[in-house]
């Protein structure tokens, strides 16, 4: 099946605006869906109208009217002057013979004018294809798998660097973009169809421990009661865990994952084998029809919509992406360069053409370039609105959602020391002690267990450089401790932030301005090829009170 240039361009627009994801109902897709009608109208109505304007600029009449005038003139020339149009040269011979007669000149000029306009009308169709091809060429060269890559181009495969005469120019590929490293971005996922809503919900997730990003074996598996059908609201919820499966879970759901991504995936075949009888048991015709719907593709395979969305949910929870600081400005600059140097340029002129042919070619190219710019600017406007929303959301100041301190036991004020120690020893969840054991500060044989409070206090007095973490204390006790420490800010010997880089650096600017000489962001701490000395199991031994801050990222609900 072949596609016309218009079809190819429309498919690219659907991808640019992610119209094929209109059944998704979370995050940025809600913003896209809010403009869905406007974008659809642009594709279905505004684009055809623009092409119609191109035709009207090349010829002021419709094709049917032009054909009628051509037929009338041809009939009159055949009847009154016996012109044989089956012979190419006969009309020219009759023009030499009867050219001075007014009766001949009127149908002759009408015929030539109508034929020229019809040629231009047919040319308009070719120009439409050229316009679609050029638009496709322009947008596809910057668009790559969900992102616009801001690499200025000076041709199809040639790049250039913006330069304004600076003595030294530092430039990198994503110069005008924010690089968003999401890490593990867990979220629920909703799609709709056939009057039914389906939601994949994450009930529990194990994240990588001890700052070790290479932990393996965590996968998506169904929860114990994973199937929830609400017939009144026609909503199906499927609940999952993201964890290292235990022996029974491996036996039930298998160990081999369908999604070929490290640490990600689910055995989709086993899921679907158990999901089908549950769905059919609901006896809901709409849900069954949605289950059987098969309009999606994964790779080269056509799959059920359920399979497609489950595949997306389990494989796309981690992603690095870019947000442009000014996508509109970049694309406009590139469009102007593209039009001047690749569309409206002297290369299209043939040296053998006479003046009339050159003027005609220039006029056609002006019309084509104007139409390309008009359509492209509208598309750029839509794209900029969506990108601008994400930029403002990213730049919005984030809340500090957690702030705690680590300090050695000898720094705890005497007035509250016993209360802190007794809580640590009697805490049923053993948060503080288990955390210290995990980090290797103490072992299971230490006399801190078994109820011997005096022995435990004596042990801790001899080991007063053990570190406590206020995150393991109840809120009331935590603030009681902090309120009794004098000059806490001056005693703080280090600050650890759990944040997106840009937000963390912005938070630091106020207090640490002109105090930081060098920042080493994102060291390759797990790379075998790296020479850097870095402990993967814990970040540091905190001998001074050290504050750590967690900054929350935005969530669209």
Protein backbone atom coordinates (compact mmCIF):
# COMPACT_ATOMS: atom_id res chain seq x y z
CA UNK A 1 0.00 0.00 0.00
CA UNK A 2 1.54 3.31 -1.11
CA UNK A 3 1.09 6.60 0.73
CA UNK A 4 0.87 10.04 -0.84
CA UNK A 5 3.07 12.89 0.46
CA UNK A 6 -0.03 14.29 2.21
CA UNK A 7 -0.61 10.94 3.95
CA UNK A 8 3.02 10.75 5.09
CA UNK A 9 2.90 14.30 6.40
CA UNK A 10 -0.38 13.68 8.26
CA UNK A 11 1.12 10.58 9.89
CA UNK A 12 4.11 12.65 11.01
CA UNK A 13 1.75 15.26 12.49
CA UNK A 14 -0.08 12.55 14.44
CA UNK A 15 3.24 11.42 15.86
CA UNK A 16 4.41 14.97 16.65
CA UNK A 17 1.21 15.73 18.53
CA UNK A 18 0.89 12.15 19.87
CA UNK A 19 -2.70 11.89 18.66
CA UNK A 20 -2.41 8.10 18.74
CA UNK A 21 -2.17 8.38 22.54
CA UNK A 22 -5.43 10.26 23.01
CA UNK A 23 -6.76 7.41 25.17
CA UNK A 24 -4.04 8.01 27.78
CA UNK A 25 -5.24 9.94 30.80
CA UNK A 26 -2.30 11.14 32.88
CA UNK A 27 0.44 13.76 32.97
CA UNK A 28 1.25 15.75 29.86
CA UNK A 29 -1.24 13.68 27.84
CA UNK A 30 -4.06 15.57 29.57
CA UNK A 31 -2.67 18.79 28.18
CA UNK A 32 -2.30 17.24 24.72
CA UNK A 33 -5.85 15.92 24.88
CA UNK A 34 -7.14 19.39 25.78
CA UNK A 35 -5.82 20.56 22.38
CA UNK A 36 -6.82 17.38 20.57
CA UNK A 37 -9.83 18.96 18.84
CA UNK A 38 -7.82 22.02 17.75
CA UNK A 39 -5.04 19.88 16.32
CA UNK A 40 -7.50 17.55 14.56
CA UNK A 41 -9.28 20.57 13.06
CA UNK A 42 -5.92 21.90 11.87
CA UNK A 43 -5.17 18.62 10.07
CA UNK A 44 -8.68 18.10 8.65
CA UNK A 45 -9.72 21.67 7.82
CA UNK A 46 -6.96 24.27 8.01
CA UNK A 47 -4.40 22.28 5.98
CA UNK A 48 -6.81 21.60 3.06
CA UNK A 49 -7.84 25.29 3.16
CA UNK A 50 -4.20 26.35 2.94
CA UNK A 51 -3.67 24.13 -0.10
CA UNK A 52 -6.80 25.61 -1.65
CA UNK A 53 -5.30 29.08 -1.18
CA UNK A 54 -2.15 27.89 -2.97
CA UNK A 55 -4.26 26.80 -5.95
CA UNK A 56 -6.15 30.11 -5.98
CA UNK A 57 -2.85 32.04 -6.07
CA UNK A 58 -1.78 30.08 -9.14
CA UNK A 59 -5.15 30.29 -10.85
CA UNK A 60 -8.23 32.28 -9.88
CA UNK A 61 -10.71 29.76 -11.30
CA UNK A 62 -11.82 26.28 -10.40
CA UNK A 63 -10.76 23.29 -12.43
CA UNK A 64 -14.27 22.52 -13.74
CA UNK A 65 -14.77 26.11 -14.96
CA UNK A 66 -11.39 26.07 -16.72
CA UNK A 67 -12.18 22.76 -18.42
CA UNK A 68 -15.56 24.10 -19.66
CA UNK A 69 -13.93 27.19 -21.20
CA UNK A 70 -11.25 25.03 -22.81
CA UNK A 71 -13.91 22.73 -24.31
CA UNK A 72 -15.98 25.68 -25.62
CA UNK A 73 -12.97 27.24 -27.34
CA UNK A 74 -11.86 23.90 -28.77
CA UNK A 75 -15.38 23.17 -30.16
CA UNK A 76 -15.57 26.60 -31.85
CA UNK A 77 -12.13 26.20 -33.46
CA UNK A 78 -13.02 22.71 -34.73
CA UNK A 79 -16.40 23.81 -36.10
CA UNK A 80 -15.54 27.19 -37.65
CA UNK A 81 -11.91 26.68 -38.68
CA UNK A 82 -11.60 22.88 -39.02
CA UNK A 83 -8.74 22.66 -36.49
CA UNK A 84 -7.69 19.03 -36.01
CA UNK A 85 -6.51 18.75 -32.39
CA UNK A 86 -5.37 15.16 -32.95
CA UNK A 87 -2.44 16.64 -34.92
CA UNK A 88 -0.08 18.62 -32.70
CA UNK A 89 0.92 21.20 -35.35
CA UNK A 90 -2.52 21.84 -36.88
CA UNK A 91 -3.50 24.60 -34.44
CA UNK A 92 -0.23 26.44 -35.14
CA UNK A 93 -0.80 26.17 -38.92
CA UNK A 94 -4.35 27.53 -38.61
CA UNK A 95 -3.04 30.37 -36.43
CA UNK A 96 -0.64 31.37 -39.26
CA UNK A 97 -3.50 31.13 -41.75
CA UNK A 98 -6.30 32.89 -39.79
CA UNK A 99 -4.31 34.79 -37.18
CA UNK A 100 -5.46 38.23 -38.37
CA UNK A 101 -9.17 37.42 -38.28
CA UNK A 102 -10.99 38.65 -35.11
CA UNK A 103 -13.37 35.67 -35.34
CA UNK A 104 -10.36 33.34 -35.01
CA UNK A 105 -8.46 35.35 -32.40
CA UNK A 106 -11.26 35.24 -29.80
CA UNK A 107 -11.59 31.39 -29.47
CA UNK A 108 -7.83 31.00 -30.09
CA UNK A 109 -6.86 33.25 -27.14
CA UNK A 110 -9.58 31.67 -24.95
CA UNK A 111 -8.17 28.24 -25.75
CA UNK A 112 -4.55 29.22 -24.96
CA UNK A 113 -5.55 31.00 -21.73
CA UNK A 114 -7.67 28.05 -20.51
CA UNK A 115 -4.92 25.57 -21.37
CA UNK A 116 -2.34 27.64 -19.47
CA UNK A 117 -4.61 27.89 -16.42
CA UNK A 118 -5.31 24.15 -16.52
CA UNK A 119 -1.57 23.50 -16.67
CA UNK A 120 -1.10 25.76 -13.64
CA UNK A 121 -3.95 24.02 -11.80
CA UNK A 122 -2.33 20.65 -12.42
CA UNK A 123 0.96 22.19 -11.35
CA UNK A 124 -0.72 23.27 -8.09
CA UNK A 125 -1.33 19.60 -7.29
CA UNK A 126 2.34 18.86 -7.82
CA UNK A 127 3.24 21.86 -5.64
CA UNK A 128 0.98 20.50 -2.88
CA UNK A 129 3.04 17.32 -2.91
CA UNK A 130 6.23 19.38 -2.85
CA UNK A 131 4.95 21.40 0.11
CA UNK A 132 4.12 18.22 2.08
CA UNK A 133 7.48 16.68 1.21
CA UNK A 134 9.36 19.81 2.32
CA UNK A 135 7.37 20.08 5.55
CA UNK A 136 8.00 16.41 6.28
CA UNK A 137 11.70 16.87 5.55
CA UNK A 138 11.94 19.89 7.85
CA UNK A 139 10.15 18.54 10.93
CA UNK A 140 11.48 14.98 10.70
CA UNK A 141 15.10 16.16 10.67
CA UNK A 142 14.70 17.64 14.18
CA UNK A 143 12.22 15.17 15.69
CA UNK A 144 13.57 11.98 17.21
CA UNK A 145 11.52 9.54 19.33
CA UNK A 146 9.45 12.04 21.27
CA UNK A 147 11.97 14.89 21.45
CA UNK A 148 13.00 17.75 19.22
CA UNK A 149 16.78 17.73 18.98
CA UNK A 150 18.07 21.29 18.89
CA UNK A 151 20.98 20.72 16.55
CA UNK A 152 21.08 23.57 13.99
CA UNK A 153 21.36 22.19 10.46
CA UNK A 154 22.94 23.59 7.32
CA UNK A 155 21.65 20.78 5.14
CA UNK A 156 20.30 17.26 5.22
CA UNK A 157 23.32 15.72 6.96
CA UNK A 158 25.37 18.77 7.92
CA UNK A 159 25.30 20.54 11.28
CA UNK A 160 26.43 24.00 12.25
CA UNK A 161 27.21 25.76 15.52
CA UNK A 162 25.66 29.18 16.30
CA UNK A 163 28.50 31.68 16.50
CA UNK A 164 28.46 35.47 16.93
CA UNK A 165 32.15 36.31 16.95
CA UNK A 166 32.99 35.28 20.52
CA UNK A 167 36.66 34.63 21.28
CA UNK A 168 35.74 31.32 22.92
CA UNK A 169 32.48 29.49 22.24
CA UNK A 170 31.43 26.49 24.35
CA UNK A 171 28.59 24.57 22.79
CA UNK A 172 26.95 21.19 23.32
CA UNK A 173 24.20 19.30 21.54
CA UNK A 174 21.39 20.14 23.97
CA UNK A 175 22.59 23.71 24.55
CA UNK A 176 19.09 25.21 24.84
CA UNK A 177 17.44 22.30 26.64
CA UNK A 178 16.93 20.99 30.14
CA UNK A 179 18.10 17.40 30.42
CA UNK A 180 15.62 15.52 32.59
CA UNK A 181 16.97 12.30 34.07
CA UNK A 182 13.85 10.82 35.58
CA UNK A 183 15.29 7.72 37.18
CA UNK A 184 12.53 5.37 38.27
CA UNK A 185 9.38 7.35 37.69
CA UNK A 186 6.57 5.12 38.95
CA UNK A 187 3.03 6.12 38.17
CA UNK A 188 -0.38 4.72 37.43
CA UNK A 189 -1.42 4.39 33.81
CA UNK A 190 -4.93 4.78 32.42
CA UNK A 191 -6.38 4.16 28.98
CA UNK A 192 -9.95 4.15 27.69
CA UNK A 193 -12.02 2.52 24.97
CA UNK A 194 -15.45 1.06 24.22
CA UNK A 195 -16.90 3.05 27.14
CA UNK A 196 -14.54 1.27 29.57
CA UNK A 197 -11.65 2.66 31.64
CA UNK A 198 -8.65 0.45 32.40
CA UNK A 199 -6.03 1.47 34.95
CA UNK A 200 -2.73 -0.22 35.82
CA UNK A 201 -1.91 0.66 39.44
CA UNK A 202 1.36 0.20 41.26
CA UNK A 203 0.77 -0.89 44.87
CA UNK A 204 4.38 -1.34 45.95
CA UNK A 205 7.81 -0.72 44.48
CA UNK A 206 11.29 -1.67 45.61
CA UNK A 207 13.85 0.95 44.59
CA UNK A 208 17.55 0.40 44.20
CA UNK A 209 19.25 0.19 47.60
CA UNK A 210 22.44 1.82 48.84
CA UNK A 211 22.61 4.12 45.83
CA UNK A 212 23.42 1.12 43.66
CA UNK A 213 21.75 1.70 40.33
CA UNK A 214 22.75 -1.65 38.90
CA UNK A 215 20.61 -3.75 41.21
CA UNK A 216 19.05 -6.46 39.05
CA UNK A 217 16.07 -8.72 39.21
CA UNK A 218 13.27 -6.23 39.93
CA UNK A 219 10.27 -6.76 37.66
CA UNK A 220 6.57 -6.00 37.47
CA UNK A 221 4.41 -8.80 38.86
CA UNK A 222 0.68 -8.85 39.70
CA UNK A 223 -0.32 -8.24 43.31
CA UNK A 224 -2.14 -10.94 45.32
CA UNK A 225 -5.61 -9.54 44.45
CA UNK A 226 -4.70 -7.86 41.20
CA UNK A 227 -8.03 -7.92 39.30
CA UNK A 228 -10.69 -5.34 40.31
CA UNK A 229 -13.77 -4.80 38.10
CA UNK A 230 -16.30 -2.08 38.94
CA UNK A 231 -19.40 -2.77 36.78
CA UNK A 232 -21.22 0.37 37.95
CA UNK A 233 -18.50 2.76 36.74
CA UNK A 234 -17.25 0.33 34.07
CA UNK A 235 -13.68 0.52 35.33
CA UNK A 236 -11.07 -2.22 35.51
CA UNK A 237 -8.08 -1.86 37.85
CA UNK A 238 -5.07 -4.18 37.61
CA UNK A 239 -2.67 -3.94 40.57
CA UNK A 240 1.07 -4.66 40.35
CA UNK A 241 4.25 -4.76 42.41
CA UNK A 242 7.70 -3.79 41.17
CA UNK A 243 10.11 -5.99 43.10
CA UNK A 244 12.44 -8.93 43.10
CA UNK A 245 10.00 -11.87 43.02
CA UNK A 246 10.23 -14.54 45.70
CA UNK A 247 10.26 -18.27 44.92
CA UNK A 248 6.45 -18.65 44.84
CA UNK A 249 6.05 -15.58 42.62
CA UNK A 250 8.70 -16.85 40.23
CA UNK A 251 6.86 -20.16 40.04
CA UNK A 252 3.52 -18.46 39.32
CA UNK A 253 4.67 -15.70 36.95
CA UNK A 254 7.95 -17.04 35.61
CA UNK A 255 11.44 -15.52 35.67
CA UNK A 256 11.90 -14.74 31.98
CA UNK A 257 10.57 -11.30 31.19
CA UNK A 258 9.00 -10.30 27.89
CA UNK A 259 10.31 -6.74 27.81
CA UNK A 260 13.95 -6.81 26.76
CA UNK A 261 15.17 -4.11 29.12
CA UNK A 262 17.41 -4.66 32.09
CA UNK A 263 15.50 -4.57 35.40
CA UNK A 264 12.21 -3.98 33.62
CA UNK A 265 9.34 -5.97 32.26
CA UNK A 266 6.80 -8.60 32.98
CA UNK A 267 5.99 -11.99 31.53
CA UNK A 268 3.13 -10.68 29.45
CA UNK A 269 2.10 -14.07 28.08
CA UNK A 270 1.50 -15.46 31.57
CA UNK A 271 -0.44 -12.32 32.52
CA UNK A 272 -2.71 -12.62 29.51
CA UNK A 273 -3.33 -16.32 30.01
CA UNK A 274 -4.81 -15.56 33.42
CA UNK A 275 -6.42 -12.25 32.45
CA UNK A 276 -8.63 -13.55 29.63
CA UNK A 277 -10.90 -15.86 31.72
CA UNK A 278 -11.29 -13.15 34.38
CA UNK A 279 -12.41 -10.59 31.80
CA UNK A 280 -14.85 -12.98 30.14
CA UNK A 281 -16.25 -13.93 33.53
CA UNK A 282 -17.47 -10.32 34.01
CA UNK A 283 -19.93 -10.87 31.11
CA UNK A 284 -19.56 -7.18 30.25
CA UNK A 285 -19.82 -6.84 26.46
CA UNK A 286 -17.92 -3.53 26.32
CA UNK A 287 -15.01 -4.85 28.38
CA UNK A 288 -14.83 -8.05 26.33
CA UNK A 289 -14.95 -6.03 23.10
CA UNK A 290 -12.09 -3.82 24.35
CA UNK A 291 -10.13 -6.93 25.35
CA UNK A 292 -10.48 -8.36 21.84
CA UNK A 293 -9.68 -5.08 20.06
CA UNK A 294 -6.50 -5.44 18.02
CA UNK A 295 -5.44 -2.11 16.50
CA UNK A 296 -1.93 -1.62 17.91
CA UNK A 297 1.55 -2.69 16.87
CA UNK A 298 4.69 -3.51 18.86
CA UNK A 299 7.63 -3.63 16.51
CA UNK A 300 6.28 -5.35 13.42
CA UNK A 301 3.60 -7.34 15.25
CA UNK A 302 -0.03 -6.34 15.52
CA UNK A 303 -1.18 -6.89 19.09
CA UNK A 304 -4.22 -6.33 21.28
CA UNK A 305 -4.71 -2.85 22.73
CA UNK A 306 -4.41 -4.37 26.23
CA UNK A 307 -1.06 -5.89 25.30
CA UNK A 308 0.18 -2.61 23.81
CA UNK A 309 -0.68 -0.53 26.88
CA UNK A 310 0.65 -3.09 29.35
CA UNK A 311 3.88 -3.20 27.35
CA UNK A 312 4.13 0.62 27.51
CA UNK A 313 3.36 0.69 31.23
CA UNK A 314 5.99 -1.86 32.20
CA UNK A 315 8.74 -0.65 29.86
CA UNK A 316 8.46 3.14 29.99
CA UNK A 317 8.67 3.89 33.70
CA UNK A 318 12.22 5.12 33.24
CA UNK A 319 13.18 7.65 30.61
CA UNK A 320 15.59 10.48 30.01
CA UNK A 321 14.15 13.32 27.98
CA UNK A 322 14.66 16.99 27.15
CA UNK A 323 12.60 20.13 27.67
CA UNK A 324 13.34 23.08 25.41
CA UNK A 325 13.81 26.51 26.90
CA UNK A 326 12.39 28.13 23.75
CA UNK A 327 11.35 25.61 21.11
CA UNK A 328 9.47 28.23 19.09
CA UNK A 329 12.54 30.45 18.65
CA UNK A 330 14.73 27.51 17.62
CA UNK A 331 12.30 26.08 15.06
CA UNK A 332 11.51 29.51 13.60
CA UNK A 333 15.20 30.24 13.07
CA UNK A 334 15.75 26.84 11.50
CA UNK A 335 12.65 27.26 9.30
CA UNK A 336 13.86 30.60 7.93
CA UNK A 337 17.28 29.11 7.15
CA UNK A 338 15.65 26.05 5.59
CA UNK A 339 13.38 28.14 3.33
CA UNK A 340 16.11 30.55 2.19
CA UNK A 341 18.81 27.96 1.59
CA UNK A 342 16.97 24.78 0.62
CA UNK A 343 13.59 25.79 -0.82
CA UNK A 344 13.77 29.35 -2.16
CA UNK A 345 17.28 29.35 -3.57
CA UNK A 346 18.82 29.91 -7.01
CA UNK A 347 19.50 26.20 -7.48
CA UNK A 348 16.01 25.67 -8.90
CA UNK A 349 16.72 28.01 -11.87
CA UNK A 350 17.82 26.44 -15.16
CA UNK A 351 20.42 28.46 -17.13
CA UNK A 352 18.64 27.59 -20.40
CA UNK A 353 15.35 29.28 -19.38
CA UNK A 354 14.31 32.58 -20.95
CA UNK A 355 13.13 35.56 -18.87
CA UNK A 356 9.47 34.55 -18.96
CA UNK A 357 10.23 31.04 -17.71
CA UNK A 358 12.49 32.39 -14.95
CA UNK A 359 9.79 34.82 -13.78
CA UNK A 360 7.20 32.04 -13.80
CA UNK A 361 9.47 29.69 -11.80
CA UNK A 362 10.23 32.41 -9.25
CA UNK A 363 6.52 33.20 -8.83
CA UNK A 364 5.70 29.54 -8.26
CA UNK A 365 8.55 29.14 -5.77
CA UNK A 366 7.43 32.24 -3.85
CA UNK A 367 3.94 30.76 -3.54
CA UNK A 368 5.35 27.40 -2.44
CA UNK A 369 7.73 28.93 0.13
CA UNK A 370 4.96 31.12 1.53
CA UNK A 371 2.64 28.12 1.95
CA UNK A 372 5.38 26.07 3.64
CA UNK A 373 6.06 28.89 6.10
CA UNK A 374 2.36 29.49 6.80
CA UNK A 375 1.69 25.82 7.62
CA UNK A 376 4.96 25.31 9.50
CA UNK A 377 4.39 28.36 11.72
CA UNK A 378 1.00 27.03 12.81
CA UNK A 379 2.52 23.63 13.65
CA UNK A 380 5.37 25.30 15.53
CA UNK A 381 2.81 27.29 17.51
CA UNK A 382 1.01 24.13 18.65
CA UNK A 383 4.28 22.37 19.52
CA UNK A 384 5.54 25.39 21.45
CA UNK A 385 2.40 25.52 23.61
CA UNK A 386 2.91 21.93 24.77
CA UNK A 387 6.65 22.36 25.30
CA UNK A 388 6.13 25.66 27.12
CA UNK A 389 3.74 23.99 29.56
CA UNK A 390 6.36 21.37 30.41
CA UNK A 391 9.06 24.06 30.75
CA UNK A 392 7.00 26.13 33.19
CA UNK A 393 6.11 23.03 35.18
CA UNK A 394 9.77 22.02 35.37
CA UNK A 395 10.99 25.51 36.35
CA UNK A 396 8.31 25.94 39.01
CA UNK A 397 9.91 25.98 42.45
CA UNK A 398 9.50 22.64 44.15
CA UNK A 399 8.63 21.90 47.75
CA UNK A 400 11.18 20.49 50.17
CA UNK A 401 9.26 17.35 51.10
CA UNK A 402 11.71 16.02 53.67
CA UNK A 403 14.63 17.35 55.73
CA UNK A 404 16.59 15.25 58.24
CA UNK A 405 19.94 15.15 60.00
CA UNK A 406 22.58 12.54 60.66
CA UNK A 407 24.79 13.03 63.73
CA UNK A 408 27.04 11.02 66.06
CA UNK A 409 25.78 10.04 69.51
CA UNK A 410 28.25 12.29 71.33
CA UNK A 411 26.53 15.36 69.84
CA UNK A 412 23.10 14.59 71.29
CA UNK A 413 22.29 17.03 74.16
CA UNK A 414 22.43 15.37 77.59
CA UNK A 415 18.89 16.45 78.47
CA UNK A 416 17.40 14.29 75.72
CA UNK A 417 20.11 11.62 75.33
CA UNK A 418 18.43 8.87 77.40
CA UNK A 419 15.03 9.47 75.74
CA UNK A 420 16.60 9.10 72.27
CA UNK A 421 18.50 5.93 73.24
CA UNK A 422 15.47 4.32 74.86
CA UNK A 423 13.36 4.96 71.77
CA UNK A 424 16.00 3.46 69.47
CA UNK A 425 16.26 0.32 71.64
CA UNK A 426 12.49 -0.18 72.07
CA UNK A 427 11.34 0.68 68.54
CA UNK A 428 9.40 -2.37 67.34
CA UNK A 429 10.26 -1.64 63.71
CA UNK A 430 13.99 -1.39 64.61
CA UNK A 431 14.41 1.32 61.94
CA UNK A 432 17.55 2.86 63.39
CA UNK A 433 19.28 -0.38 64.37
CA UNK A 434 18.48 -2.27 61.16
CA UNK A 435 19.65 0.72 59.14
CA UNK A 436 23.00 0.74 60.99
CA UNK A 437 23.34 -3.04 60.48
CA UNK A 438 22.65 -2.67 56.74
CA UNK A 439 25.38 -0.02 56.46
CA UNK A 440 27.86 -2.12 58.44
CA UNK A 441 28.22 0.21 61.44
CA UNK A 442 27.13 -2.50 63.91
CA UNK A 443 26.47 -6.24 63.73
CA UNK A 444 23.80 -8.54 65.07
CA UNK A 445 26.06 -9.61 67.98
CA UNK A 446 26.21 -6.11 69.48
CA UNK A 447 24.57 -5.99 72.97
CA UNK A 448 21.71 -3.83 71.74
CA UNK A 449 19.09 -6.56 71.55
CA UNK A 450 17.40 -8.76 74.11
CA UNK A 451 16.12 -6.12 76.55
CA UNK A 452 19.33 -5.37 78.50
CA UNK A 453 18.89 -1.59 78.50
CA UNK A 454 21.78 -0.81 80.86
CA UNK A 455 24.17 -2.98 78.84
CA UNK A 456 23.00 -1.36 75.60
CA UNK A 457 23.46 2.16 77.00
CA UNK A 458 26.93 1.23 78.22
CA UNK A 459 27.80 -0.17 74.77
CA UNK A 460 26.60 2.99 73.03
CA UNK A 461 28.56 5.17 75.47
CA UNK A 462 31.72 3.31 74.42
CA UNK A 463 30.75 3.68 70.74
CA UNK A 464 29.67 7.33 70.76
CA UNK A 465 30.71 7.86 67.12
CA UNK A 466 27.82 5.74 65.90
CA UNK A 467 25.53 7.81 63.70
CA UNK A 468 21.80 8.31 64.25
CA UNK A 469 19.41 9.43 61.54
CA UNK A 470 16.50 11.68 62.56
CA UNK A 471 14.43 10.11 59.76
CA UNK A 472 14.18 7.02 61.98
CA UNK A 473 12.70 9.03 64.88
CA UNK A 474 9.05 10.08 65.33
CA UNK A 475 8.37 13.70 64.32
CA UNK A 476 7.83 14.94 67.89
CA UNK A 477 11.11 13.44 69.15
CA UNK A 478 13.01 14.61 66.08
CA UNK A 479 12.04 18.27 66.57
CA UNK A 480 12.58 18.04 70.33
CA UNK A 481 16.16 16.94 69.59
CA UNK A 482 16.81 19.66 67.01
CA UNK A 483 15.32 22.40 69.20
CA UNK A 484 17.84 21.62 71.96
CA UNK A 485 20.91 21.82 69.73
CA UNK A 486 22.59 25.24 69.71
CA UNK A 487 23.89 26.76 66.47
CA UNK A 488 22.71 23.74 64.50
CA UNK A 489 23.43 25.39 61.17
CA UNK A 490 27.04 26.12 62.15
CA UNK A 491 27.55 22.54 63.34
CA UNK A 492 26.24 21.09 60.09
CA UNK A 493 29.28 19.70 58.32
CA UNK A 494 27.68 18.55 55.09
CA UNK A 495 24.52 18.82 53.02
CA UNK A 496 23.16 15.96 50.92
CA UNK A 497 20.32 16.65 48.47
CA UNK A 498 18.05 14.09 46.85
CA UNK A 499 16.79 16.16 43.95
CA UNK A 500 16.74 16.73 40.23
CA UNK A 501 20.06 18.47 39.45
CA UNK A 502 18.70 21.82 38.25
CA UNK A 503 16.31 22.21 41.19
CA UNK A 504 19.01 21.23 43.69
CA UNK A 505 21.51 23.70 42.27
CA UNK A 506 18.92 26.49 42.35
CA UNK A 507 18.19 25.74 46.01
CA UNK A 508 21.92 25.93 46.81
CA UNK A 509 22.45 29.30 45.14
CA UNK A 510 21.17 31.39 48.03
CA UNK A 511 23.33 29.92 50.79
CA UNK A 512 26.39 28.71 48.91
CA UNK A 513 26.80 31.52 46.36
CA UNK A 514 30.51 32.31 45.81
CA UNK A 515 31.45 29.52 48.27
CA UNK A 516 31.65 26.53 45.88
CA UNK A 517 34.75 26.24 43.72
CA UNK A 518 33.92 23.05 41.85
CA UNK A 519 30.95 20.71 41.47
CA UNK A 520 31.27 17.10 40.33
CA UNK A 521 27.77 16.04 39.27
CA UNK A 522 26.82 12.43 38.60
CA UNK A 523 30.18 10.64 39.09
CA UNK A 524 30.39 7.22 37.38
CA UNK A 525 30.43 5.44 40.70
CA UNK A 526 29.47 2.01 39.41
CA UNK A 527 31.49 2.04 36.19
CA UNK A 528 34.24 -0.58 36.20
CA UNK A 529 36.24 1.55 33.79
CA UNK A 530 36.31 4.46 36.24
CA UNK A 531 39.25 5.10 38.54
CA UNK A 532 37.16 7.15 40.98
CA UNK A 533 37.20 5.98 44.62
CA UNK A 534 33.55 5.75 45.60
CA UNK A 535 31.80 3.60 48.19
CA UNK A 536 28.64 2.13 46.77
CA UNK A 537 27.28 0.84 50.08
CA UNK A 538 27.05 4.14 51.90
CA UNK A 539 27.76 7.75 51.13
CA UNK A 540 29.85 8.87 54.12
CA UNK A 541 30.48 8.45 57.84
CA UNK A 542 28.86 11.52 59.37
CA UNK A 543 30.92 12.72 62.35
CA UNK A 544 29.40 16.21 62.28
CA UNK A 545 25.66 16.77 62.03
CA UNK A 546 24.83 16.54 58.34
CA UNK A 547 21.58 17.68 56.81
CA UNK A 548 19.95 15.90 53.90
CA UNK A 549 17.08 17.33 51.91
CA UNK A 550 14.60 15.71 49.58
CA UNK A 551 12.98 17.93 46.96
CA UNK A 552 9.69 16.80 45.44
CA UNK A 553 9.01 16.73 41.70
CA UNK A 554 5.65 17.92 40.33
CA UNK A 555 2.78 15.54 39.82
CA UNK A 556 -0.25 16.17 37.65
CA UNK A 557 -3.26 14.49 39.21
